[in-house]
Amino acid sequence: MMRARVISVLAALLFAQWTASSRVATAAERDYISLIGLPQVLKYAVSVTMAIHDRSRQKFPLIINSTTNDGPKLFCSGLGENRPDLFIMDTLPNDNPLEDCEHNGVNRVARLPIGRDALMFTIAAGQKPFDVSARTMYLALAARLPLAGEESAAESNPLGTTFVANRYQRWNQIDPKLPDMPIRLLAPPDHSVEWWAINDMIMLDGCRAVRSVALIEATDLQLFRQLCYSRRKDGTIVYADGQKYADNPVVIPTETSDVVIGTFRLPGEAKGSFPLPVDGVLPSEASIMDGSYHVARLVVAYVKTEKYNIVPGFREFTMEMTSPQAAAEGGYMTKLGLVPLPQTELRESGAAARALAAGR
């Protein structure tokens, strides 16, 4: 029920942003937090908001839905009232998305790791597992793929590649090492926020692994994104019913050919299914934390500490987000799919949030 409540509140807050944004631009003083984030991780920020609101009736923040490209630009665009206070995103550990902040006078940004987001692929228990990759899954999911034999031609003329409807119906057509089994993918609802994570962690990496698609990125970014994120509509992808998926996010494969794409779950939370290895590595808390399991991202909150003395409740929000009751094992964010940081790392992040809140 927690997941259903967070999703419904998230939808309401994202809808409300359109009316609230005009209020931000004209307000002399703002008495609520403004935060921006990628859709797939905003659920964590919303759960923190709900926990604080239930205790103190603090005003709900303005929540701005962003993309990987637009989010950092807006966050770094200045310190004014109509600029976000906090940016939450999932990223690779060594990425630095906020290079433009100092150029715009945003000089004091704290980086607070929260946990990790991860996806997994599962099959019915008792079925023989097989190894997949982002490339494999992209070739299974994509709406259009390069015409066979055009890989070499793309080197000289990327835009000359011919793309046709996805022809793969069985896994071994993608790779002879894969099983001779129909491709049948059980996925989150068609327009759910989970697809933002699937796009970032699977589709983008997968299409960059197909040379003739990857070459288009530098030439026509719009076409590249269309090829990366468009999904086939021939019945190969079976979407979970929205309400059922919201109330019970664990989808169990039942048919011998079912492969489920979903949020990472511990083995005991998905009985009746078995995870597939990705590039030879099975998903686990350990493999997600050490980076060997590739379908995962670090969730980070970037905080404009210069606004701590201006925006009511901002200090409390960042401390709550890094607290054990929110982000440790068993915390309410982990019930939404967040993989908790090791205890030492979470303590460091929490200590940093508390020190910043105290002005140290």
Protein backbone atom coordinates (compact mmCIF):
# COMPACT_ATOMS: atom_id res chain seq x y z
CA MET A 1 0.00 0.00 0.00
CA MET A 2 2.93 2.34 0.64
CA ARG A 3 3.92 2.12 -3.02
CA ALA A 4 0.37 2.81 -4.21
CA ARG A 5 0.08 5.83 -1.92
CA VAL A 6 3.43 7.27 -3.04
CA ILE A 7 2.58 6.80 -6.72
CA SER A 8 -0.80 8.50 -6.34
CA VAL A 9 0.74 11.42 -4.45
CA LEU A 10 3.55 11.66 -7.00
CA ALA A 11 1.03 11.87 -9.82
CA ALA A 12 -0.90 14.59 -8.00
CA LEU A 13 2.23 16.59 -7.23
CA LEU A 14 3.52 16.36 -10.79
CA PHE A 15 0.13 17.58 -12.02
CA ALA A 16 0.17 20.40 -9.48
CA GLN A 17 3.57 21.65 -10.63
CA TRP A 18 1.99 23.43 -13.60
CA THR A 19 -0.10 25.69 -11.37
CA ALA A 20 2.48 25.98 -8.61
CA SER A 21 5.27 27.06 -10.97
CA SER A 22 3.59 30.41 -11.66
CA ARG A 23 3.23 30.92 -7.92
CA VAL A 24 6.97 30.40 -7.43
CA ALA A 25 7.93 32.94 -10.06
CA THR A 26 5.90 35.77 -8.47
CA ALA A 27 6.18 35.01 -4.76
CA ALA A 28 8.17 37.51 -2.70
CA GLU A 29 9.22 34.74 -0.33
CA ARG A 30 8.85 31.01 -0.73
CA ASP A 31 7.74 28.98 2.31
CA TYR A 32 8.05 25.56 0.70
CA ILE A 33 10.85 23.53 -0.91
CA SER A 34 11.31 23.45 -4.67
CA LEU A 35 12.92 20.25 -5.90
CA ILE A 36 13.65 18.82 -9.30
CA GLY A 37 14.32 15.21 -10.21
CA LEU A 38 14.23 12.42 -12.70
CA PRO A 39 10.84 10.66 -12.74
CA GLN A 40 12.20 7.26 -11.71
CA VAL A 41 13.63 8.61 -8.42
CA LEU A 42 11.08 11.30 -7.55
CA LYS A 43 9.13 8.59 -5.71
CA TYR A 44 11.86 8.62 -3.05
CA ALA A 45 11.61 12.39 -2.59
CA VAL A 46 7.81 12.13 -2.40
CA SER A 47 8.03 9.47 0.31
CA VAL A 48 10.27 11.79 2.37
CA THR A 49 7.78 14.62 1.85
CA MET A 50 4.92 12.41 3.05
CA ALA A 51 6.82 11.26 6.14
CA ILE A 52 7.59 14.85 7.15
CA HIS A 53 4.09 16.08 6.32
CA ASP A 54 2.49 13.34 8.42
CA ARG A 55 4.53 14.50 11.43
CA SER A 56 4.56 18.27 11.07
CA ARG A 57 2.05 19.24 8.36
CA GLN A 58 4.87 21.04 6.57
CA LYS A 59 3.79 22.30 3.14
CA PHE A 60 4.30 19.97 0.20
CA PRO A 61 7.17 21.02 -2.05
CA LEU A 62 6.96 22.10 -5.64
CA ILE A 63 8.15 19.04 -7.60
CA ILE A 64 9.54 19.53 -11.09
CA ASN A 65 9.82 16.56 -13.40
CA SER A 66 13.02 16.70 -15.47
CA THR A 67 15.23 14.82 -17.90
CA THR A 68 18.85 13.84 -17.50
CA ASN A 69 19.88 16.77 -19.71
CA ASP A 70 17.46 19.48 -18.55
CA GLY A 71 17.54 18.80 -14.81
CA PRO A 72 21.15 19.83 -14.14
CA LYS A 73 20.76 22.94 -16.32
CA LEU A 74 17.73 24.21 -14.41
CA PHE A 75 19.21 23.34 -11.03
CA CYS A 76 22.45 25.15 -11.87
CA SER A 77 20.78 28.17 -13.46
CA GLY A 78 20.92 30.31 -10.32
CA LEU A 79 19.86 30.91 -6.72
CA GLY A 80 16.65 32.85 -7.36
CA GLU A 81 13.25 32.06 -5.85
CA ASN A 82 12.16 30.28 -9.02
CA ARG A 83 15.18 27.99 -9.09
CA PRO A 84 15.11 24.55 -7.44
CA ASP A 85 16.67 23.99 -4.03
CA LEU A 86 17.39 20.28 -4.45
CA PHE A 87 18.03 17.98 -7.40
CA ILE A 88 17.63 14.19 -7.10
CA MET A 89 18.81 11.86 -9.84
CA ASP A 90 20.27 8.45 -10.47
CA THR A 91 23.69 8.47 -12.04
CA LEU A 92 26.88 6.54 -12.50
CA PRO A 93 29.12 7.02 -9.44
CA ASN A 94 31.81 9.05 -11.23
CA ASP A 95 29.51 11.33 -13.24
CA ASN A 96 29.53 15.07 -12.51
CA PRO A 97 26.29 16.50 -13.94
CA LEU A 98 26.60 19.94 -12.28
CA GLU A 99 29.56 21.44 -14.11
CA ASP A 100 27.64 24.67 -14.91
CA CYS A 101 26.70 25.55 -11.33
CA GLU A 102 29.73 27.70 -10.49
CA HIS A 103 29.37 29.69 -13.71
CA ASN A 104 25.93 30.82 -12.48
CA GLY A 105 26.90 31.68 -8.92
CA VAL A 106 25.75 28.40 -7.39
CA ASN A 107 28.88 27.73 -5.37
CA ARG A 108 27.78 25.66 -2.41
CA VAL A 109 26.24 22.40 -3.59
CA ALA A 110 26.38 19.36 -1.33
CA ARG A 111 26.35 15.88 -2.85
CA LEU A 112 24.48 13.38 -0.67
CA PRO A 113 24.33 9.73 -1.81
CA ILE A 114 21.01 8.14 -0.86
CA GLY A 115 21.16 4.55 -2.13
CA ARG A 116 21.00 2.73 -5.44
CA ASP A 117 18.30 2.07 -8.00
CA ALA A 118 18.45 -1.22 -9.89
CA LEU A 119 16.45 -3.31 -12.33
CA MET A 120 16.42 -7.06 -12.74
CA PHE A 121 15.16 -9.66 -15.19
CA THR A 122 13.46 -12.75 -13.81
CA ILE A 123 12.13 -16.04 -15.17
CA ALA A 124 9.88 -18.64 -13.60
CA ALA A 125 11.53 -20.81 -10.98
CA GLY A 126 12.62 -24.12 -12.46
CA GLN A 127 13.41 -22.67 -15.89
CA LYS A 128 16.97 -22.80 -17.12
CA PRO A 129 18.58 -19.37 -16.68
CA PHE A 130 20.49 -17.64 -19.47
CA ASP A 131 22.84 -14.68 -19.61
CA VAL A 132 21.59 -11.36 -21.02
CA SER A 133 23.01 -7.88 -21.55
CA ALA A 134 21.71 -4.37 -22.16
CA ARG A 135 22.32 -4.98 -25.87
CA THR A 136 20.31 -8.22 -25.78
CA MET A 137 17.38 -6.54 -24.05
CA TYR A 138 17.44 -3.52 -26.35
CA LEU A 139 17.30 -5.81 -29.39
CA ALA A 140 14.35 -7.61 -27.81
CA LEU A 141 12.46 -4.42 -26.86
CA ALA A 142 13.15 -1.88 -29.61
CA ALA A 143 10.49 -0.97 -32.18
CA ARG A 144 12.92 -0.62 -35.08
CA LEU A 145 16.35 -2.10 -35.73
CA PRO A 146 18.97 -1.71 -38.47
CA LEU A 147 18.39 -3.77 -41.58
CA ALA A 148 20.58 -6.87 -41.44
CA GLY A 149 24.00 -6.37 -42.98
CA GLU A 150 24.11 -2.56 -42.71
CA GLU A 151 26.55 -2.39 -39.80
CA SER A 152 29.61 -1.62 -41.93
CA ALA A 153 27.81 0.89 -44.17
CA ALA A 154 26.92 2.98 -41.13
CA GLU A 155 30.59 3.85 -40.53
CA SER A 156 30.70 6.10 -43.61
CA ASN A 157 27.10 7.33 -43.50
CA PRO A 158 25.26 6.81 -40.16
CA LEU A 159 22.06 8.45 -41.41
CA GLY A 160 22.03 6.17 -44.43
CA THR A 161 21.19 3.14 -42.31
CA THR A 162 17.80 1.58 -43.05
CA PHE A 163 15.71 0.77 -39.98
CA VAL A 164 12.92 -1.80 -40.11
CA ALA A 165 10.39 -3.26 -37.67
CA ASN A 166 11.94 -5.51 -35.04
CA ARG A 167 12.24 -8.94 -36.64
CA TYR A 168 13.30 -10.94 -33.59
CA GLN A 169 10.67 -13.39 -32.32
CA ARG A 170 12.93 -15.85 -30.47
CA TRP A 171 15.92 -15.25 -28.22
CA ASN A 172 18.32 -17.38 -30.26
CA GLN A 173 17.65 -15.14 -33.28
CA ILE A 174 19.36 -12.34 -31.34
CA ASP A 175 22.25 -14.56 -30.29
CA PRO A 176 22.68 -18.30 -31.00
CA LYS A 177 23.89 -18.73 -27.41
CA LEU A 178 20.47 -17.71 -26.11
CA PRO A 179 17.66 -20.28 -25.75
CA ASP A 180 15.39 -21.28 -28.60
CA MET A 181 12.40 -19.73 -26.86
CA PRO A 182 9.80 -17.11 -27.82
CA ILE A 183 10.52 -13.55 -26.66
CA ARG A 184 7.79 -12.61 -24.19
CA LEU A 185 8.53 -9.70 -21.88
CA LEU A 186 6.38 -8.77 -18.88
CA ALA A 187 6.93 -5.08 -18.16
CA PRO A 188 5.65 -2.18 -16.03
CA PRO A 189 2.63 -0.24 -17.34
CA ASP A 190 3.19 1.48 -20.66
CA HIS A 191 3.34 5.06 -19.31
CA SER A 192 4.67 4.40 -15.80
CA VAL A 193 7.70 6.15 -14.34
CA GLU A 194 9.52 2.80 -14.23
CA TRP A 195 10.08 3.16 -17.96
CA TRP A 196 12.36 6.13 -17.34
CA ALA A 197 14.64 3.79 -15.41
CA ILE A 198 14.37 1.14 -18.13
CA ASN A 199 15.24 3.74 -20.75
CA ASP A 200 18.27 4.98 -18.80
CA MET A 201 19.64 1.64 -17.61
CA ILE A 202 18.74 -0.69 -20.47
CA MET A 203 17.64 1.00 -23.67
CA LEU A 204 20.30 3.73 -23.75
CA ASP A 205 23.22 1.42 -22.95
CA GLY A 206 21.79 -1.23 -25.27
CA CYS A 207 21.44 1.00 -28.32
CA ARG A 208 24.94 2.38 -27.78
CA ALA A 209 26.12 -1.24 -28.01
CA VAL A 210 24.65 -1.49 -31.53
CA ARG A 211 27.24 0.30 -33.65
CA SER A 212 24.95 1.55 -36.42
CA VAL A 213 22.60 3.10 -33.82
CA ALA A 214 25.39 4.51 -31.65
CA LEU A 215 26.90 6.40 -34.60
CA ILE A 216 23.68 8.39 -35.02
CA GLU A 217 23.97 9.98 -31.56
CA ALA A 218 26.54 12.54 -32.69
CA THR A 219 24.70 13.26 -35.95
CA ASP A 220 20.99 13.38 -35.09
CA LEU A 221 20.26 13.27 -31.35
CA GLN A 222 16.48 13.36 -31.82
CA LEU A 223 16.53 10.35 -34.14
CA PHE A 224 18.94 8.57 -31.81
CA ARG A 225 16.58 8.99 -28.85
CA GLN A 226 13.62 7.88 -30.93
CA LEU A 227 15.44 4.71 -31.95
CA CYS A 228 16.60 4.08 -28.38
CA TYR A 229 13.33 4.61 -26.55
CA SER A 230 10.63 3.45 -28.98
CA ARG A 231 9.25 0.02 -28.03
CA ARG A 232 7.73 -2.64 -30.22
CA LYS A 233 3.93 -2.96 -30.29
CA ASP A 234 3.50 -6.43 -31.75
CA GLY A 235 2.44 -8.12 -28.51
CA THR A 236 5.95 -9.22 -27.53
CA ILE A 237 5.85 -6.81 -24.56
CA VAL A 238 3.00 -7.55 -22.16
CA TYR A 239 2.33 -4.60 -19.89
CA ALA A 240 1.18 -5.15 -16.31
CA ASP A 241 -2.17 -3.67 -15.40
CA GLY A 242 -1.57 -0.27 -13.84
CA GLN A 243 -3.52 -0.61 -10.60
CA LYS A 244 -2.36 -4.16 -9.97
CA TYR A 245 1.24 -3.14 -10.55
CA ALA A 246 0.93 -0.16 -8.23
CA ASP A 247 -0.48 -2.25 -5.37
CA ASN A 248 1.88 -5.18 -5.86
CA PRO A 249 5.06 -4.33 -7.75
CA VAL A 250 6.38 -7.90 -7.72
CA VAL A 251 5.29 -9.47 -11.02
CA ILE A 252 5.80 -13.24 -11.07
CA PRO A 253 6.49 -15.02 -14.39
CA THR A 254 4.15 -17.93 -14.98
CA GLU A 255 4.70 -19.09 -18.56
CA THR A 256 7.90 -20.90 -19.52
CA SER A 257 8.79 -18.07 -21.92
CA ASP A 258 8.05 -15.17 -19.52
CA VAL A 259 10.88 -12.75 -18.76
CA VAL A 260 9.93 -10.04 -16.27
CA ILE A 261 11.54 -6.59 -16.26
CA GLY A 262 11.16 -5.00 -12.86
CA THR A 263 12.68 -3.28 -9.85
CA PHE A 264 15.37 -5.19 -7.97
CA ARG A 265 13.97 -7.33 -5.20
CA LEU A 266 15.58 -9.57 -2.63
CA PRO A 267 15.06 -13.32 -3.29
CA GLY A 268 12.44 -13.68 -0.56
CA GLU A 269 10.35 -10.87 -2.05
CA ALA A 270 9.87 -12.55 -5.43
CA LYS A 271 9.09 -16.18 -4.67
CA GLY A 272 8.41 -18.31 -7.71
CA SER A 273 10.96 -16.50 -9.86
CA PHE A 274 14.68 -16.57 -10.50
CA PRO A 275 16.91 -13.66 -11.62
CA LEU A 276 18.87 -13.71 -14.86
CA PRO A 277 22.55 -12.75 -14.85
CA VAL A 278 23.53 -9.63 -16.79
CA ASP A 279 26.95 -9.92 -18.44
CA GLY A 280 27.56 -12.93 -16.21
CA VAL A 281 26.67 -11.22 -12.91
CA LEU A 282 23.58 -12.01 -10.86
CA PRO A 283 21.79 -9.09 -9.16
CA SER A 284 22.37 -8.90 -5.41
CA GLU A 285 22.93 -6.15 -2.89
CA ALA A 286 26.66 -6.91 -3.02
CA SER A 287 26.99 -6.88 -6.83
CA ILE A 288 24.89 -3.70 -7.06
CA MET A 289 27.02 -1.95 -4.46
CA ASP A 290 30.39 -2.94 -5.92
CA GLY A 291 29.34 -1.94 -9.45
CA SER A 292 29.77 -5.36 -11.04
CA TYR A 293 26.04 -5.56 -11.79
CA HIS A 294 25.56 -3.00 -14.54
CA VAL A 295 21.78 -2.42 -14.50
CA ALA A 296 21.99 -0.10 -11.50
CA ARG A 297 22.59 3.56 -10.72
CA LEU A 298 23.59 5.58 -7.64
CA VAL A 299 20.78 7.82 -6.34
CA VAL A 300 22.15 11.21 -5.30
CA ALA A 301 20.58 14.36 -3.86
CA TYR A 302 22.32 17.63 -4.78
CA VAL A 303 21.53 20.36 -2.26
CA LYS A 304 21.96 24.16 -2.48
CA THR A 305 23.05 24.73 1.10
CA GLU A 306 22.99 28.51 0.55
CA LYS A 307 19.20 28.24 0.74
CA TYR A 308 19.11 26.56 4.16
CA ASN A 309 18.48 29.89 5.91
CA ILE A 310 15.89 30.99 3.35
CA VAL A 311 13.57 28.04 2.70
CA PRO A 312 11.62 26.70 5.72
CA GLY A 313 11.96 22.97 6.25
CA PHE A 314 14.85 22.52 3.82
CA ARG A 315 17.32 21.38 6.49
CA GLU A 316 14.82 18.89 7.88
CA PHE A 317 14.13 17.46 4.43
CA THR A 318 17.79 16.64 3.65
CA MET A 319 18.37 15.16 7.09
CA GLU A 320 15.25 13.00 6.76
CA MET A 321 16.28 11.78 3.30
CA THR A 322 19.59 10.45 4.66
CA SER A 323 18.16 9.06 7.91
CA PRO A 324 18.05 5.35 8.80
CA GLN A 325 14.25 5.33 8.97
CA ALA A 326 14.17 6.45 5.32
CA ALA A 327 17.23 4.97 3.63
CA ALA A 328 18.58 2.12 5.76
CA GLU A 329 17.56 -1.50 5.32
CA GLY A 330 13.84 -1.74 6.07
CA GLY A 331 13.39 2.03 5.65
CA TYR A 332 10.41 3.39 3.80
CA MET A 333 12.42 4.30 0.69
CA THR A 334 13.78 0.76 0.43
CA LYS A 335 10.17 -0.49 0.28
CA LEU A 336 9.87 1.49 -2.96
CA GLY A 337 12.89 -0.25 -4.48
CA LEU A 338 15.87 1.71 -3.14
CA VAL A 339 18.85 -0.55 -2.50
CA PRO A 340 20.37 0.76 0.75
CA LEU A 341 23.94 1.95 0.97
CA PRO A 342 26.35 0.04 3.23
CA GLN A 343 25.87 1.22 6.81
CA THR A 344 29.16 3.12 6.90
CA GLU A 345 28.34 5.04 3.71
CA LEU A 346 24.83 5.90 4.85
CA ARG A 347 26.18 7.10 8.21
CA GLU A 348 28.65 9.33 6.36
CA SER A 349 25.90 10.76 4.17
CA GLY A 350 23.65 11.35 7.18
CA ALA A 351 26.47 12.96 9.16
CA ALA A 352 27.23 15.25 6.21
CA ALA A 353 23.55 16.28 6.01
CA ARG A 354 23.43 17.03 9.73
CA ALA A 355 26.70 18.99 9.63
CA LEU A 356 25.47 21.07 6.69
CA ALA A 357 22.18 21.72 8.47
CA ALA A 358 24.12 22.94 11.53
CA GLY A 359 26.14 25.29 9.35
CA ARG A 360 29.42 23.43 9.75
